[in-house]
Amino acid sequence: MSEVKINIEDAFKQNMSDGSNCSESEPFALQCIDNSMEPEFPVGCIIIIDPSAAIRDGSYVFAKDNGDEYIFRQVKIEGDDYYLVPLNPDYVSFKLDHGFSQIEGIITQRAGKKRSQHKWYD
């Protein structure tokens, strides 16, 4: 199964973590474009990412993978080690080489086509 990764700098023509943009701590939305986080996050749903939210074990996160590309996963924290885990077992989990510094934001909401598909995460 192929995995879709997002090069967000190309999409927005800016570096989110260089501190040059006053809106870098503002929540933003992205659309799920693969099935790596199904069934909780189906293809096509919109996720809201808060760059200023606290990271906790089990949070859904938007992070840079070890290849410096953006990815959406659930974080598992074991001591000082951070792992990105997909909900779909067809995809692989991996350890972040640089820990929490690779996490760009926490998913705080999911929106679907119907109001009943909206969900908040803390």
C-alpha atoms as a PDB file:
ATOM      1  CA  MET A   1       0.000   0.000   0.000  1.00  0.00           C
ATOM      2  CA  SER A   2       1.461   3.369  -0.941  1.00  0.00           C
ATOM      3  CA  GLU A   3       1.516   6.216   1.513  1.00  0.00           C
ATOM      4  CA  VAL A   4       0.727   9.815   0.629  1.00  0.00           C
ATOM      5  CA  LYS A   5       2.965  12.423   2.237  1.00  0.00           C
ATOM      6  CA  ILE A   6       2.500  16.168   2.124  1.00  0.00           C
ATOM      7  CA  ASN A   7       5.223  18.687   1.347  1.00  0.00           C
ATOM      8  CA  ILE A   8       3.507  21.554   3.129  1.00  0.00           C
ATOM      9  CA  GLU A   9       6.260  24.127   2.457  1.00  0.00           C
ATOM     10  CA  ASP A  10       5.665  23.758  -1.277  1.00  0.00           C
ATOM     11  CA  ALA A  11       1.921  24.097  -0.757  1.00  0.00           C
ATOM     12  CA  PHE A  12       2.166  27.288   1.286  1.00  0.00           C
ATOM     13  CA  LYS A  13       5.553  28.602   0.042  1.00  0.00           C
ATOM     14  CA  GLN A  14       6.768  29.204   3.579  1.00  0.00           C
ATOM     15  CA  ASN A  15       8.517  27.329   6.358  1.00  0.00           C
ATOM     16  CA  MET A  16       6.084  26.811   9.223  1.00  0.00           C
ATOM     17  CA  SER A  17       8.697  26.416  11.936  1.00  0.00           C
ATOM     18  CA  ASP A  18      11.159  29.228  11.165  1.00  0.00           C
ATOM     19  CA  GLY A  19       9.349  31.732  13.399  1.00  0.00           C
ATOM     20  CA  SER A  20       8.989  34.295  10.622  1.00  0.00           C
ATOM     21  CA  ASN A  21       5.219  34.243  10.424  1.00  0.00           C
ATOM     22  CA  CYS A  22       3.056  35.673  13.221  1.00  0.00           C
ATOM     23  CA  SER A  23       0.275  33.235  12.322  1.00  0.00           C
ATOM     24  CA  GLU A  24       2.434  30.152  12.929  1.00  0.00           C
ATOM     25  CA  SER A  25       0.560  29.371  16.164  1.00  0.00           C
ATOM     26  CA  GLU A  26      -2.897  29.718  14.575  1.00  0.00           C
ATOM     27  CA  PRO A  27      -4.931  26.546  13.930  1.00  0.00           C
ATOM     28  CA  PHE A  28      -5.219  25.449  10.314  1.00  0.00           C
ATOM     29  CA  ALA A  29      -7.126  22.810   8.337  1.00  0.00           C
ATOM     30  CA  LEU A  30      -6.030  20.012   6.015  1.00  0.00           C
ATOM     31  CA  GLN A  31      -7.895  17.264   4.206  1.00  0.00           C
ATOM     32  CA  CYS A  32      -7.069  13.579   4.749  1.00  0.00           C
ATOM     33  CA  ILE A  33      -5.976  12.184   1.395  1.00  0.00           C
ATOM     34  CA  ASP A  34      -5.094   8.591   2.266  1.00  0.00           C
ATOM     35  CA  ASN A  35      -6.502   5.778   4.394  1.00  0.00           C
ATOM     36  CA  SER A  36      -3.602   5.481   6.863  1.00  0.00           C
ATOM     37  CA  MET A  37      -5.710   6.846   9.731  1.00  0.00           C
ATOM     38  CA  GLU A  38      -8.977   5.048   8.973  1.00  0.00           C
ATOM     39  CA  PRO A  39     -11.438   4.271  10.438  1.00  0.00           C
ATOM     40  CA  GLU A  40     -11.233   7.312  12.769  1.00  0.00           C
ATOM     41  CA  PHE A  41     -10.238   9.701   9.963  1.00  0.00           C
ATOM     42  CA  PRO A  42     -11.744   8.627   6.620  1.00  0.00           C
ATOM     43  CA  VAL A  43     -10.372   9.810   3.280  1.00  0.00           C
ATOM     44  CA  GLY A  44     -11.786  13.253   2.520  1.00  0.00           C
ATOM     45  CA  CYS A  45     -12.436  14.375   6.088  1.00  0.00           C
ATOM     46  CA  ILE A  46     -11.051  17.720   7.243  1.00  0.00           C
ATOM     47  CA  ILE A  47      -8.769  17.897  10.277  1.00  0.00           C
ATOM     48  CA  ILE A  48      -8.020  21.006  12.332  1.00  0.00           C
ATOM     49  CA  ILE A  49      -4.429  21.244  13.559  1.00  0.00           C
ATOM     50  CA  ASP A  50      -3.430  23.430  16.519  1.00  0.00           C
ATOM     51  CA  PRO A  51       0.334  24.139  16.544  1.00  0.00           C
ATOM     52  CA  SER A  52       0.176  25.448  20.117  1.00  0.00           C
ATOM     53  CA  ALA A  53      -1.637  22.499  21.747  1.00  0.00           C
ATOM     54  CA  ALA A  54       0.134  20.263  24.288  1.00  0.00           C
ATOM     55  CA  ILE A  55       1.494  16.906  23.118  1.00  0.00           C
ATOM     56  CA  ARG A  56       0.257  13.877  25.080  1.00  0.00           C
ATOM     57  CA  ASP A  57       0.591  10.144  24.610  1.00  0.00           C
ATOM     58  CA  GLY A  58      -2.179   9.053  22.240  1.00  0.00           C
ATOM     59  CA  SER A  59      -2.677  12.480  20.641  1.00  0.00           C
ATOM     60  CA  TYR A  60      -3.229  12.663  16.910  1.00  0.00           C
ATOM     61  CA  VAL A  61      -0.422  14.768  15.485  1.00  0.00           C
ATOM     62  CA  PHE A  62       0.803  16.487  12.354  1.00  0.00           C
ATOM     63  CA  ALA A  63       4.563  15.949  12.274  1.00  0.00           C
ATOM     64  CA  LYS A  64       7.645  15.773  10.121  1.00  0.00           C
ATOM     65  CA  ASP A  65       8.739  12.201   9.482  1.00  0.00           C
ATOM     66  CA  ASN A  66      12.422  11.241   9.490  1.00  0.00           C
ATOM     67  CA  GLY A  67      12.585  12.134   5.788  1.00  0.00           C
ATOM     68  CA  ASP A  68      11.505  15.725   6.596  1.00  0.00           C
ATOM     69  CA  GLU A  69       8.060  15.331   5.007  1.00  0.00           C
ATOM     70  CA  TYR A  70       4.778  15.992   6.802  1.00  0.00           C
ATOM     71  CA  ILE A  71       2.643  13.116   8.027  1.00  0.00           C
ATOM     72  CA  PHE A  72      -0.505  12.657  10.120  1.00  0.00           C
ATOM     73  CA  ARG A  73      -0.370   9.932  12.810  1.00  0.00           C
ATOM     74  CA  GLN A  74      -1.068   9.068  16.444  1.00  0.00           C
ATOM     75  CA  VAL A  75       1.869   9.633  18.769  1.00  0.00           C
ATOM     76  CA  LYS A  76       2.929   7.016  21.305  1.00  0.00           C
ATOM     77  CA  ILE A  77       5.386   8.163  23.961  1.00  0.00           C
ATOM     78  CA  GLU A  78       7.620   5.612  25.679  1.00  0.00           C
ATOM     79  CA  GLY A  79      10.073   7.321  28.028  1.00  0.00           C
ATOM     80  CA  ASP A  80      12.051   9.768  25.902  1.00  0.00           C
ATOM     81  CA  ASP A  81      11.065   8.042  22.631  1.00  0.00           C
ATOM     82  CA  TYR A  82       8.263   9.232  20.341  1.00  0.00           C
ATOM     83  CA  TYR A  83       6.640   6.891  17.827  1.00  0.00           C
ATOM     84  CA  LEU A  84       4.217   7.758  15.031  1.00  0.00           C
ATOM     85  CA  VAL A  85       1.582   5.077  14.676  1.00  0.00           C
ATOM     86  CA  PRO A  86      -1.045   4.738  11.912  1.00  0.00           C
ATOM     87  CA  LEU A  87      -4.519   3.486  12.807  1.00  0.00           C
ATOM     88  CA  ASN A  88      -4.636   1.371   9.639  1.00  0.00           C
ATOM     89  CA  PRO A  89      -2.480  -1.759  10.201  1.00  0.00           C
ATOM     90  CA  ASP A  90      -1.454  -1.769   6.506  1.00  0.00           C
ATOM     91  CA  TYR A  91       0.976   1.079   7.298  1.00  0.00           C
ATOM     92  CA  VAL A  92       4.125   0.990   9.434  1.00  0.00           C
ATOM     93  CA  SER A  93       4.911   2.734  12.718  1.00  0.00           C
ATOM     94  CA  PHE A  94       8.275   4.390  13.257  1.00  0.00           C
ATOM     95  CA  LYS A  95      10.318   6.185  15.901  1.00  0.00           C
ATOM     96  CA  LEU A  96      10.984   9.916  15.470  1.00  0.00           C
ATOM     97  CA  ASP A  97      14.741  10.529  15.298  1.00  0.00           C
ATOM     98  CA  HIS A  98      14.448  13.948  16.969  1.00  0.00           C
ATOM     99  CA  GLY A  99      11.517  13.341  19.312  1.00  0.00           C
ATOM    100  CA  PHE A 100       8.821  15.905  19.994  1.00  0.00           C
ATOM    101  CA  SER A 101      10.639  18.635  18.030  1.00  0.00           C
ATOM    102  CA  GLN A 102       9.350  16.958  14.849  1.00  0.00           C
ATOM    103  CA  ILE A 103       5.718  17.441  15.921  1.00  0.00           C
ATOM    104  CA  GLU A 104       4.205  20.538  14.301  1.00  0.00           C
ATOM    105  CA  GLY A 105       0.713  20.412  15.803  1.00  0.00           C
ATOM    106  CA  ILE A 106      -2.072  18.424  17.439  1.00  0.00           C
ATOM    107  CA  ILE A 107      -5.304  17.445  15.697  1.00  0.00           C
ATOM    108  CA  THR A 108      -8.100  19.063  17.700  1.00  0.00           C
ATOM    109  CA  GLN A 109     -11.098  18.475  15.417  1.00  0.00           C
ATOM    110  CA  ARG A 110     -12.374  16.285  12.627  1.00  0.00           C
ATOM    111  CA  ALA A 111     -15.078  17.507  10.266  1.00  0.00           C
ATOM    112  CA  GLY A 112     -17.034  15.427   7.807  1.00  0.00           C
ATOM    113  CA  LYS A 113     -19.758  16.121   5.288  1.00  0.00           C
ATOM    114  CA  LYS A 114     -22.457  15.890   7.956  1.00  0.00           C
ATOM    115  CA  ARG A 115     -22.649  17.540  11.363  1.00  0.00           C
ATOM    116  CA  SER A 116     -22.829  14.079  12.959  1.00  0.00           C
ATOM    117  CA  GLN A 117     -19.338  13.360  11.571  1.00  0.00           C
ATOM    118  CA  HIS A 118     -17.751  16.287  13.484  1.00  0.00           C
ATOM    119  CA  LYS A 119     -15.622  15.305  16.458  1.00  0.00           C
ATOM    120  CA  TRP A 120     -13.357  17.165  18.917  1.00  0.00           C
ATOM    121  CA  TYR A 121     -10.146  15.808  20.432  1.00  0.00           C
ATOM    122  CA  ASP A 122      -8.285  17.080  23.484  1.00  0.00           C
END
